[in-house]
């Protein structure tokens, strides 16, 4: 008897979870043969994903009881003489442009920007809805084949991808997310679905380099083993060498910062470098220190780029990576250039130059940007294709990764209000299918939305200690009622600023976004969803 396309890995369906359409039929709506390819992978890897997510929750709960993340005991990962073999095709990654995979125009523009690397995203900058995910995957497959195009209205022409040496990286959704309904009544790891769906349809013979994955949202070195085993299972299923799939990984959670060397070790046959995902890292840092009133952070845009809790990780990462012959890549600069606003454009590019110069001085090998106009400035801050041979004098192997954020930035009602306004507008973008939105000159995605939700929660929880002041310097208690008032006021301001004649459904969507955003804060839902 034919085996059913199921593995009995069921769970309650979260309404925020990406789910297939009601009339979805895997045998009709997925590539021929893919359901059969996916079933054994789902059986093996989804239960392991569930276990890892449960361990994450336990580690966070321990932190909230006072047992914060720390370094692991010495092991072969930290004491033995192992090295990663870095192939020539990715030796220069001085700038990696990143953006949502579901935007074909942006994908083509990034690939034509001249950037050494481009990361095509199905995660934070792509709304976690089935149509967006599938559009992103289809765009990525076309980009890998070199035949993705878009129609340029201004120039009245179709623009295609130019021939280049740009390395294409693909970021799937993280282990914390599930994809519902591919198999009826079940949910599977979204990471598994995204990587398997792309890998199944790729023709390795036409690629310029092996299929390369950007691993997001890791929280332990143990999770690297999940990815290692998935990569090798996928390769085996298609008759490819076990180490065919290559990857980089983001360090964007506080626990993972203590396990970078172990993470590299566990993936040493696949991994080529690490990236400091600064905005998710900040969110994670707040989340793990949420109970500590000394960790109430200043208004986000007044936190210096070289604040010690970032800078210490930023200096540690290249030391660990270069010791093992892996690349170290810096994070995103959120302030976005503007071709319509010369003053903002000049400020954004000046901030970019300063930020990337700091990363180069920390011996990073490259950085992230999100706009083609940033590429040249970013690349120019890094003196060589990479700095693998550069090592600091007398490096500190175990620096303090939790120096208190004392004496930096401002803690103000203005900052709280800006956070409220941003989360409403960001969530409105998500409800309209956008995973990233340009707001007040900053490109905001799920990571920065999460920072703001956590900051608001911090200020409510530790209002008496934090000394949050108004524009006259007077302290203002951040009670739940006060936060509700700010949500009311900022929603009304947003609605007032809508152009005359705006469809009433637009205002209704903003109201829904406001309710969702405040509800997530009230319920303390701070996972990256």
Protein backbone atom coordinates (compact mmCIF):
# COMPACT_ATOMS: atom_id res chain seq x y z
CA UNK A 1 0.00 0.00 0.00
CA UNK A 2 1.30 3.49 -0.86
CA UNK A 3 2.61 5.39 2.16
CA UNK A 4 0.61 8.55 2.94
CA UNK A 5 2.24 11.95 2.52
CA UNK A 6 2.28 12.63 6.23
CA UNK A 7 4.51 12.16 9.24
CA UNK A 8 1.98 12.82 12.00
CA UNK A 9 3.97 15.83 13.27
CA UNK A 10 0.95 17.88 14.28
CA UNK A 11 0.49 20.96 16.42
CA UNK A 12 -2.11 23.68 17.02
CA UNK A 13 -2.08 26.25 14.24
CA UNK A 14 -0.99 29.72 15.36
CA UNK A 15 -3.05 32.33 13.45
CA UNK A 16 0.17 34.23 12.71
CA UNK A 17 1.75 31.15 11.19
CA UNK A 18 2.14 31.07 7.44
CA UNK A 19 -0.52 28.72 6.11
CA UNK A 20 -1.32 27.45 2.65
CA UNK A 21 -4.58 28.55 0.92
CA UNK A 22 -7.77 26.59 1.78
CA UNK A 23 -7.83 24.87 -1.61
CA UNK A 24 -4.13 23.90 -1.53
CA UNK A 25 -3.27 20.51 -3.02
CA UNK A 26 0.39 19.47 -2.64
CA UNK A 27 0.28 17.10 -5.60
CA UNK A 28 -1.05 19.93 -7.79
CA UNK A 29 0.51 23.07 -6.30
CA UNK A 30 4.04 21.89 -5.54
CA UNK A 31 6.70 20.80 -8.05
CA UNK A 32 6.26 17.28 -9.36
CA UNK A 33 7.86 14.81 -6.96
CA UNK A 34 8.56 17.40 -4.26
CA UNK A 35 6.01 16.12 -1.70
CA UNK A 36 7.65 12.69 -1.80
CA UNK A 37 11.08 14.33 -1.50
CA UNK A 38 9.91 16.38 1.48
CA UNK A 39 8.16 13.71 3.58
CA UNK A 40 11.24 11.89 4.96
CA UNK A 41 12.97 15.20 5.66
CA UNK A 42 9.89 16.45 7.51
CA UNK A 43 9.76 13.27 9.58
CA UNK A 44 13.39 13.63 10.61
CA UNK A 45 13.91 17.35 11.01
CA UNK A 46 10.63 18.86 12.21
CA UNK A 47 10.61 16.93 15.53
CA UNK A 48 14.23 17.97 16.11
CA UNK A 49 13.31 21.58 15.35
CA UNK A 50 10.54 21.40 17.98
CA UNK A 51 13.02 20.15 20.56
CA UNK A 52 15.46 22.95 19.80
CA UNK A 53 12.73 25.59 20.06
CA UNK A 54 11.70 24.15 23.44
CA UNK A 55 15.31 24.40 24.62
CA UNK A 56 15.37 28.06 23.54
CA UNK A 57 12.36 28.75 25.74
CA UNK A 58 14.03 27.01 28.68
CA UNK A 59 17.24 29.05 28.27
CA UNK A 60 15.23 32.29 28.17
CA UNK A 61 13.24 31.28 31.26
CA UNK A 62 16.50 30.54 33.08
CA UNK A 63 17.82 33.98 32.13
CA UNK A 64 14.70 35.61 33.55
CA UNK A 65 15.36 33.73 36.79
CA UNK A 66 18.88 35.16 36.89
CA UNK A 67 20.97 32.50 35.16
CA UNK A 68 22.17 34.38 32.09
CA UNK A 69 23.97 32.90 29.07
CA UNK A 70 27.69 32.27 29.44
CA UNK A 71 30.59 30.63 27.61
CA UNK A 72 30.69 26.86 27.27
CA UNK A 73 33.44 24.72 28.86
CA UNK A 74 36.57 24.03 26.79
CA UNK A 75 36.15 21.40 24.09
CA UNK A 76 37.66 20.23 20.80
CA UNK A 77 35.89 23.18 19.21
CA UNK A 78 37.99 25.66 21.19
CA UNK A 79 41.24 23.74 21.81
CA UNK A 80 41.98 21.63 18.71
CA UNK A 81 43.73 22.87 15.56
CA UNK A 82 40.96 22.86 12.97
CA UNK A 83 40.43 25.30 10.09
CA UNK A 84 37.78 26.07 7.53
CA UNK A 85 38.69 25.91 3.84
CA UNK A 86 37.48 29.14 2.30
CA UNK A 87 36.91 28.80 -1.48
CA UNK A 88 38.05 31.52 -3.83
CA UNK A 89 34.55 32.36 -5.05
CA UNK A 90 33.65 33.93 -1.71
CA UNK A 91 37.02 35.31 -0.61
CA UNK A 92 35.80 38.89 -1.24
CA UNK A 93 32.57 39.73 0.57
CA UNK A 94 33.31 43.35 1.49
CA UNK A 95 29.66 44.21 1.03
CA UNK A 96 26.64 41.96 1.00
CA UNK A 97 23.48 43.69 -0.16
CA UNK A 98 20.35 42.33 1.46
CA UNK A 99 16.67 42.63 0.69
CA UNK A 100 13.31 40.86 0.39
CA UNK A 101 13.22 38.05 -2.11
CA UNK A 102 9.57 38.73 -2.97
CA UNK A 103 10.45 42.06 -4.65
CA UNK A 104 11.72 41.13 -8.14
CA UNK A 105 12.75 44.70 -9.00
CA UNK A 106 14.89 45.02 -5.88
CA UNK A 107 16.42 41.58 -6.41
CA UNK A 108 17.55 42.53 -9.92
CA UNK A 109 18.84 45.92 -8.76
CA UNK A 110 20.83 44.32 -5.94
CA UNK A 111 22.36 41.77 -8.29
CA UNK A 112 23.27 44.57 -10.71
CA UNK A 113 24.72 46.82 -7.99
CA UNK A 114 28.27 45.50 -8.21
CA UNK A 115 28.15 44.27 -4.61
CA UNK A 116 30.45 41.28 -3.97
CA UNK A 117 27.55 39.44 -2.34
CA UNK A 118 23.76 39.63 -2.32
CA UNK A 119 21.53 37.98 0.28
CA UNK A 120 18.02 37.20 -0.97
CA UNK A 121 15.63 36.98 1.95
CA UNK A 122 12.55 34.92 2.72
CA UNK A 123 12.75 35.90 6.40
CA UNK A 124 12.71 39.23 8.29
CA UNK A 125 12.26 41.54 5.31
CA UNK A 126 9.61 39.33 3.65
CA UNK A 127 6.17 39.15 5.26
CA UNK A 128 5.57 35.64 6.59
CA UNK A 129 2.55 34.87 4.43
CA UNK A 130 2.30 32.01 1.93
CA UNK A 131 2.02 34.21 -1.21
CA UNK A 132 5.08 36.25 -0.17
CA UNK A 133 7.15 33.18 0.64
CA UNK A 134 6.28 31.47 -2.63
CA UNK A 135 6.92 34.65 -4.64
CA UNK A 136 10.30 35.01 -2.91
CA UNK A 137 11.24 31.40 -3.63
CA UNK A 138 10.24 31.72 -7.29
CA UNK A 139 12.22 34.96 -7.64
CA UNK A 140 15.25 33.33 -6.02
CA UNK A 141 15.09 30.37 -8.39
CA UNK A 142 14.89 32.70 -11.39
CA UNK A 143 17.75 34.79 -10.02
CA UNK A 144 19.91 31.68 -9.61
CA UNK A 145 19.18 30.82 -13.25
CA UNK A 146 19.92 34.41 -14.27
CA UNK A 147 16.58 34.98 -15.97
CA UNK A 148 14.71 37.17 -13.44
CA UNK A 149 13.56 40.51 -14.89
CA UNK A 150 11.42 43.52 -14.02
CA UNK A 151 9.82 46.24 -16.11
CA UNK A 152 11.28 49.71 -15.48
CA UNK A 153 8.39 52.17 -15.89
CA UNK A 154 10.67 55.25 -15.99
CA UNK A 155 12.84 53.87 -18.76
CA UNK A 156 10.02 51.90 -20.41
CA UNK A 157 12.18 48.79 -20.71
CA UNK A 158 12.62 45.32 -19.25
CA UNK A 159 15.72 45.03 -17.05
CA UNK A 160 17.47 41.71 -16.60
CA UNK A 161 20.35 40.49 -14.44
CA UNK A 162 23.79 41.43 -15.74
CA UNK A 163 26.64 38.95 -15.80
CA UNK A 164 28.82 39.33 -12.68
CA UNK A 165 30.80 37.49 -10.02
CA UNK A 166 28.32 38.44 -7.30
CA UNK A 167 27.83 35.64 -4.79
CA UNK A 168 24.16 34.85 -4.14
CA UNK A 169 23.17 33.91 -0.61
CA UNK A 170 19.69 32.75 0.39
CA UNK A 171 18.23 33.38 3.84
CA UNK A 172 15.39 30.98 4.71
CA UNK A 173 12.99 31.50 7.58
CA UNK A 174 14.41 30.68 11.01
CA UNK A 175 13.95 27.64 13.23
CA UNK A 176 11.42 29.51 15.38
CA UNK A 177 8.90 29.58 12.51
CA UNK A 178 6.62 26.86 11.18
CA UNK A 179 4.89 26.38 7.84
CA UNK A 180 1.37 25.04 8.18
CA UNK A 181 -0.72 22.99 5.79
CA UNK A 182 1.78 21.69 3.25
CA UNK A 183 0.71 18.33 4.62
CA UNK A 184 -2.89 18.50 5.78
CA UNK A 185 -3.37 19.19 9.49
CA UNK A 186 0.34 19.47 10.15
CA UNK A 187 3.01 22.10 10.58
CA UNK A 188 6.64 21.72 9.58
CA UNK A 189 9.81 23.66 10.12
CA UNK A 190 9.71 26.72 7.86
CA UNK A 191 13.51 26.51 7.57
CA UNK A 192 13.22 23.00 6.21
CA UNK A 193 10.46 23.94 3.76
CA UNK A 194 12.31 26.97 2.34
CA UNK A 195 15.69 25.29 1.88
CA UNK A 196 14.23 22.03 0.53
CA UNK A 197 11.89 23.85 -1.88
CA UNK A 198 14.77 25.82 -3.39
CA UNK A 199 17.33 23.01 -3.35
CA UNK A 200 14.93 20.55 -5.00
CA UNK A 201 14.47 22.83 -8.01
CA UNK A 202 18.04 24.06 -8.44
CA UNK A 203 20.26 22.69 -11.20
CA UNK A 204 23.76 22.69 -9.65
CA UNK A 205 25.32 22.45 -13.12
CA UNK A 206 24.27 26.00 -14.03
CA UNK A 207 25.22 27.70 -10.76
CA UNK A 208 28.37 29.81 -10.52
CA UNK A 209 29.02 28.43 -7.04
CA UNK A 210 27.42 25.87 -4.72
CA UNK A 211 24.00 26.73 -3.34
CA UNK A 212 24.72 28.96 -0.35
CA UNK A 213 22.44 29.48 2.64
CA UNK A 214 22.43 32.30 5.21
CA UNK A 215 21.35 30.71 8.50
CA UNK A 216 19.24 33.08 10.65
CA UNK A 217 18.16 33.34 14.28
CA UNK A 218 20.39 30.64 15.79
CA UNK A 219 20.55 30.49 19.57
CA UNK A 220 23.03 27.68 20.25
CA UNK A 221 25.89 25.69 18.75
CA UNK A 222 23.66 22.62 19.03
CA UNK A 223 21.39 24.14 16.38
CA UNK A 224 24.32 24.13 13.96
CA UNK A 225 24.11 20.33 14.03
CA UNK A 226 20.49 20.52 12.80
CA UNK A 227 21.61 22.59 9.83
CA UNK A 228 24.64 20.34 9.17
CA UNK A 229 22.48 17.24 9.12
CA UNK A 230 19.86 18.91 6.93
CA UNK A 231 22.47 20.03 4.40
CA UNK A 232 23.93 16.52 4.21
CA UNK A 233 20.52 14.83 3.99
CA UNK A 234 19.54 17.13 1.13
CA UNK A 235 22.78 16.46 -0.73
CA UNK A 236 22.38 12.72 -0.28
CA UNK A 237 18.80 12.85 -1.55
CA UNK A 238 20.02 14.37 -4.81
CA UNK A 239 23.18 12.33 -5.15
CA UNK A 240 25.54 15.24 -4.51
CA UNK A 241 28.69 15.26 -2.36
CA UNK A 242 27.79 15.49 1.37
CA UNK A 243 29.46 18.87 1.78
CA UNK A 244 27.93 20.44 -1.34
CA UNK A 245 25.77 23.02 0.43
CA UNK A 246 27.65 26.02 1.82
CA UNK A 247 26.51 28.61 4.32
CA UNK A 248 27.13 31.63 6.46
CA UNK A 249 25.34 32.21 9.76
CA UNK A 250 24.02 35.22 11.58
CA UNK A 251 24.91 35.71 15.23
CA UNK A 252 21.82 37.64 16.23
CA UNK A 253 20.92 36.20 19.60
CA UNK A 254 22.64 36.80 22.92
CA UNK A 255 23.23 33.10 23.77
CA UNK A 256 24.80 32.41 20.36
CA UNK A 257 27.40 35.15 20.92
CA UNK A 258 28.92 32.97 23.64
CA UNK A 259 29.08 29.92 21.33
CA UNK A 260 30.48 31.29 18.07
CA UNK A 261 33.53 29.04 17.92
CA UNK A 262 31.49 25.96 18.76
CA UNK A 263 28.92 26.92 16.12
CA UNK A 264 31.63 27.16 13.47
CA UNK A 265 33.10 23.84 14.58
CA UNK A 266 29.80 22.00 14.27
CA UNK A 267 29.31 23.30 10.72
CA UNK A 268 32.98 23.37 9.70
CA UNK A 269 32.44 21.34 6.51
CA UNK A 270 29.84 23.83 5.25
CA UNK A 271 30.25 27.22 6.88
CA UNK A 272 32.30 30.07 5.43
CA UNK A 273 31.71 32.85 7.95
CA UNK A 274 29.62 34.56 10.60
CA UNK A 275 27.67 37.82 10.51
CA UNK A 276 26.80 40.06 13.45
CA UNK A 277 23.08 40.74 12.96
CA UNK A 278 23.04 43.82 15.12
CA UNK A 279 19.34 44.67 15.28
CA UNK A 280 18.13 41.20 16.18
CA UNK A 281 21.08 40.95 18.53
CA UNK A 282 19.93 44.10 20.31
CA UNK A 283 16.40 42.73 20.58
CA UNK A 284 17.71 39.46 21.99
CA UNK A 285 19.91 41.31 24.48
CA UNK A 286 16.89 43.24 25.76
CA UNK A 287 14.81 40.07 25.88
CA UNK A 288 17.34 38.12 27.93
CA UNK A 289 17.85 41.06 30.31
CA UNK A 290 14.18 42.06 30.44
CA UNK A 291 13.94 41.57 34.20
CA UNK A 292 16.95 43.77 34.99
CA UNK A 293 16.09 47.50 35.44
CA UNK A 294 19.72 48.43 34.73
CA UNK A 295 19.21 47.22 31.16
CA UNK A 296 16.55 49.72 30.12
CA UNK A 297 18.01 50.91 26.82
CA UNK A 298 18.07 54.49 25.54
CA UNK A 299 15.98 55.68 22.61
CA UNK A 300 17.14 53.44 19.78
CA UNK A 301 18.45 56.11 17.43
CA UNK A 302 20.55 57.70 20.21
CA UNK A 303 22.52 54.50 20.90
CA UNK A 304 26.06 54.93 19.46
CA UNK A 305 27.14 52.49 16.76
CA UNK A 306 30.13 51.54 18.93
CA UNK A 307 28.24 51.08 22.22
CA UNK A 308 30.24 48.50 24.26
CA UNK A 309 27.60 45.75 24.24
CA UNK A 310 27.88 45.74 20.41
CA UNK A 311 31.53 46.64 20.13
CA UNK A 312 32.74 43.79 22.32
CA UNK A 313 30.92 41.23 20.16
CA UNK A 314 32.03 43.07 17.02
CA UNK A 315 35.68 42.72 18.08
CA UNK A 316 35.36 39.13 19.30
CA UNK A 317 33.75 37.78 16.13
CA UNK A 318 36.67 38.50 13.73
CA UNK A 319 39.16 37.07 16.23
CA UNK A 320 37.25 33.77 16.41
CA UNK A 321 36.52 33.66 12.67
CA UNK A 322 40.04 34.51 11.53
CA UNK A 323 41.55 32.00 13.93
CA UNK A 324 39.54 29.40 12.00
CA UNK A 325 39.96 30.98 8.51
CA UNK A 326 36.31 32.07 8.25
CA UNK A 327 34.92 35.46 7.22
CA UNK A 328 33.43 37.91 9.72
CA UNK A 329 30.73 40.20 8.33
CA UNK A 330 29.25 43.27 10.00
CA UNK A 331 25.63 44.31 10.24
CA UNK A 332 23.15 46.62 8.58
CA UNK A 333 23.12 50.40 8.88
CA UNK A 334 19.44 51.29 9.21
CA UNK A 335 19.52 54.94 8.06
CA UNK A 336 18.66 54.81 4.37
CA UNK A 337 19.88 57.09 1.57
CA UNK A 338 17.34 59.13 -0.39
CA UNK A 339 17.62 60.38 -3.96
CA UNK A 340 14.79 62.85 -3.27
CA UNK A 341 16.17 64.39 -0.04
CA UNK A 342 19.78 65.63 -0.46
CA UNK A 343 20.20 66.45 3.24
CA UNK A 344 19.00 63.04 4.39
CA UNK A 345 21.07 61.38 1.68
CA UNK A 346 24.27 63.10 2.78
CA UNK A 347 23.62 62.25 6.44
CA UNK A 348 22.80 58.62 5.66
CA UNK A 349 25.94 58.10 3.59
CA UNK A 350 28.12 59.83 6.22
CA UNK A 351 26.70 57.57 8.94
CA UNK A 352 27.27 54.57 6.67
CA UNK A 353 30.91 55.48 6.04
CA UNK A 354 31.63 55.95 9.75
CA UNK A 355 29.86 52.74 10.71
CA UNK A 356 31.58 50.57 8.09
CA UNK A 357 34.98 52.12 8.85
CA UNK A 358 34.49 51.08 12.47
CA UNK A 359 33.68 47.53 11.37
CA UNK A 360 36.78 47.43 9.16
CA UNK A 361 38.89 48.72 12.05
CA UNK A 362 37.46 45.88 14.17
CA UNK A 363 38.92 43.55 11.47
CA UNK A 364 35.59 42.58 9.95
CA UNK A 365 35.86 41.39 6.35
CA UNK A 366 32.73 43.11 5.08
CA UNK A 367 29.33 44.49 5.97
CA UNK A 368 25.68 44.56 5.02
CA UNK A 369 23.83 47.29 3.15
CA UNK A 370 20.30 47.54 1.75
CA UNK A 371 20.51 50.15 -1.04
CA UNK A 372 22.61 50.11 -4.25
CA UNK A 373 23.87 53.65 -3.52
CA UNK A 374 25.58 52.32 -0.37
CA UNK A 375 27.68 49.66 -2.10
CA UNK A 376 30.70 51.69 -3.20
CA UNK A 377 31.09 53.51 0.12
CA UNK A 378 30.80 50.25 2.06
CA UNK A 379 33.35 48.40 -0.08
CA UNK A 380 35.79 51.31 0.11
CA UNK A 381 35.98 51.10 3.92
CA UNK A 382 37.56 47.65 3.74
CA UNK A 383 41.19 47.90 2.57
CA UNK A 384 41.54 44.37 1.16
CA UNK A 385 39.24 41.66 -0.24
CA UNK A 386 39.35 40.23 3.28
CA UNK A 387 41.33 40.57 6.49
CA UNK A 388 41.71 36.87 7.29
CA UNK A 389 45.38 37.26 8.14
CA UNK A 390 44.73 40.17 10.51
CA UNK A 391 44.69 39.37 14.21
CA UNK A 392 44.54 41.82 17.10
CA UNK A 393 47.41 42.23 19.54
CA UNK A 394 46.66 40.50 22.86
CA UNK A 395 43.03 39.66 22.06
CA UNK A 396 40.59 39.05 24.90
CA UNK A 397 39.07 35.63 24.29
CA UNK A 398 36.27 36.03 26.85
CA UNK A 399 35.30 39.72 26.92
CA UNK A 400 32.32 41.05 28.83
CA UNK A 401 29.36 40.63 26.47
CA UNK A 402 26.96 42.36 28.86
CA UNK A 403 28.51 45.73 29.74
CA UNK A 404 25.69 47.89 31.06
CA UNK A 405 24.37 50.60 28.70
CA UNK A 406 25.07 53.34 31.24
CA UNK A 407 25.79 56.92 30.21
CA UNK A 408 24.80 56.63 26.54
CA UNK A 409 21.88 58.08 24.62
CA UNK A 410 18.61 59.52 25.88
CA UNK A 411 15.67 57.86 27.61
CA UNK A 412 12.71 60.02 26.74
CA UNK A 413 8.99 60.11 26.11
CA UNK A 414 9.89 61.26 22.60
CA UNK A 415 11.71 57.94 22.14
CA UNK A 416 8.79 55.95 23.51
CA UNK A 417 6.39 57.80 21.24
CA UNK A 418 8.64 57.14 18.23
CA UNK A 419 8.66 53.44 19.13
CA UNK A 420 4.86 53.35 19.35
CA UNK A 421 4.50 55.15 16.03
CA UNK A 422 7.00 52.82 14.35
CA UNK A 423 5.41 49.56 15.52
CA UNK A 424 1.98 50.70 14.33
CA UNK A 425 3.28 51.64 10.90
CA UNK A 426 5.51 48.58 10.62
CA UNK A 427 2.67 46.20 11.50
CA UNK A 428 0.46 48.01 8.99
CA UNK A 429 3.09 47.26 6.38
CA UNK A 430 3.05 43.57 7.35
CA UNK A 431 -0.74 43.47 7.07
CA UNK A 432 -0.29 44.85 3.56
CA UNK A 433 2.27 42.18 2.67
CA UNK A 434 5.48 44.16 3.31
CA UNK A 435 8.19 42.70 5.52
CA UNK A 436 10.28 45.89 5.48
CA UNK A 437 9.14 49.52 5.41
CA UNK A 438 11.03 52.79 5.00
CA UNK A 439 9.92 54.90 7.98
CA UNK A 440 11.36 58.32 8.85
CA UNK A 441 14.50 57.60 6.84
CA UNK A 442 15.14 54.21 8.46
CA UNK A 443 14.59 50.85 6.80
CA UNK A 444 12.63 48.98 9.45
CA UNK A 445 12.12 45.23 9.32
CA UNK A 446 10.98 42.64 11.82
CA UNK A 447 14.16 42.99 13.90
CA UNK A 448 13.71 46.71 14.52
CA UNK A 449 9.98 46.26 15.16
CA UNK A 450 10.93 43.69 17.79
CA UNK A 451 13.42 46.10 19.38
CA UNK A 452 10.74 48.75 19.73
CA UNK A 453 8.18 46.36 21.21
CA UNK A 454 10.77 45.20 23.76
CA UNK A 455 11.84 48.77 24.57
CA UNK A 456 8.25 49.77 25.28
CA UNK A 457 7.84 46.73 27.53
CA UNK A 458 11.08 47.55 29.37
CA UNK A 459 9.90 51.07 30.08
CA UNK A 460 6.57 49.84 31.41
CA UNK A 461 8.16 47.17 33.58
CA UNK A 462 10.92 49.41 35.03
CA UNK A 463 9.27 52.81 34.83
CA UNK A 464 10.17 53.82 38.39
CA UNK A 465 13.86 53.02 37.89
CA UNK A 466 14.40 54.19 34.32
CA UNK A 467 13.76 57.94 34.78
CA UNK A 468 12.10 58.48 31.40
CA UNK A 469 11.72 62.23 30.84
CA UNK A 470 9.53 64.56 28.79
CA UNK A 471 10.81 67.50 26.77
CA UNK A 472 11.09 69.59 29.95
CA UNK A 473 13.19 66.96 31.70
CA UNK A 474 10.39 65.87 34.04
CA UNK A 475 10.04 62.11 34.71
CA UNK A 476 6.99 60.41 33.23
CA UNK A 477 5.67 57.12 34.58
CA UNK A 478 5.16 54.59 31.80
CA UNK A 479 2.08 52.81 33.08
CA UNK A 480 0.01 50.55 30.80
CA UNK A 481 -2.59 53.36 30.67
CA UNK A 482 0.06 55.84 29.53
CA UNK A 483 1.25 53.48 26.78
CA UNK A 484 -2.36 52.99 25.65
CA UNK A 485 -2.72 56.76 25.49
CA UNK A 486 0.40 57.01 23.31
CA UNK A 487 -1.00 54.32 21.01
CA UNK A 488 -4.27 56.23 20.77
CA UNK A 489 -2.52 59.54 20.05
CA UNK A 490 -0.09 58.14 17.49
CA UNK A 491 -2.84 56.26 15.68
CA UNK A 492 -4.90 59.45 15.47
CA UNK A 493 -1.87 61.35 14.18
CA UNK A 494 -1.24 58.71 11.50
CA UNK A 495 -4.88 58.84 10.42
CA UNK A 496 -4.87 62.66 10.33
CA UNK A 497 -1.86 62.62 8.05
CA UNK A 498 -3.48 60.34 5.47
CA UNK A 499 -4.21 62.19 2.22
CA UNK A 500 -7.73 63.48 1.66
CA UNK A 501 -9.91 60.92 -0.06
CA UNK A 502 -7.96 57.91 1.24
CA UNK A 503 -10.03 54.73 1.08
CA UNK A 504 -11.57 53.97 4.52
CA UNK A 505 -10.08 50.48 4.40
CA UNK A 506 -6.61 52.05 4.78
CA UNK A 507 -7.56 53.63 8.09
CA UNK A 508 -9.13 50.36 9.22
CA UNK A 509 -5.89 48.52 8.47
CA UNK A 510 -3.96 51.01 10.63
CA UNK A 511 -6.44 50.47 13.47
CA UNK A 512 -5.91 46.74 13.17
CA UNK A 513 -2.13 47.24 13.19
CA UNK A 514 -2.40 49.38 16.33
CA UNK A 515 -4.47 46.70 18.12
CA UNK A 516 -2.09 43.94 17.10
CA UNK A 517 1.03 45.87 18.11
CA UNK A 518 -0.18 46.92 21.54
CA UNK A 519 -1.56 43.43 22.13
CA UNK A 520 1.81 41.82 21.38
CA UNK A 521 3.44 44.14 23.93
CA UNK A 522 0.75 43.58 26.57
CA UNK A 523 1.01 39.80 26.16
CA UNK A 524 4.82 40.02 26.08
CA UNK A 525 5.09 38.30 22.72
CA UNK A 526 8.64 39.11 21.72
CA UNK A 527 9.68 36.25 19.49
CA UNK A 528 10.56 37.46 15.99
CA UNK A 529 7.14 37.03 14.31
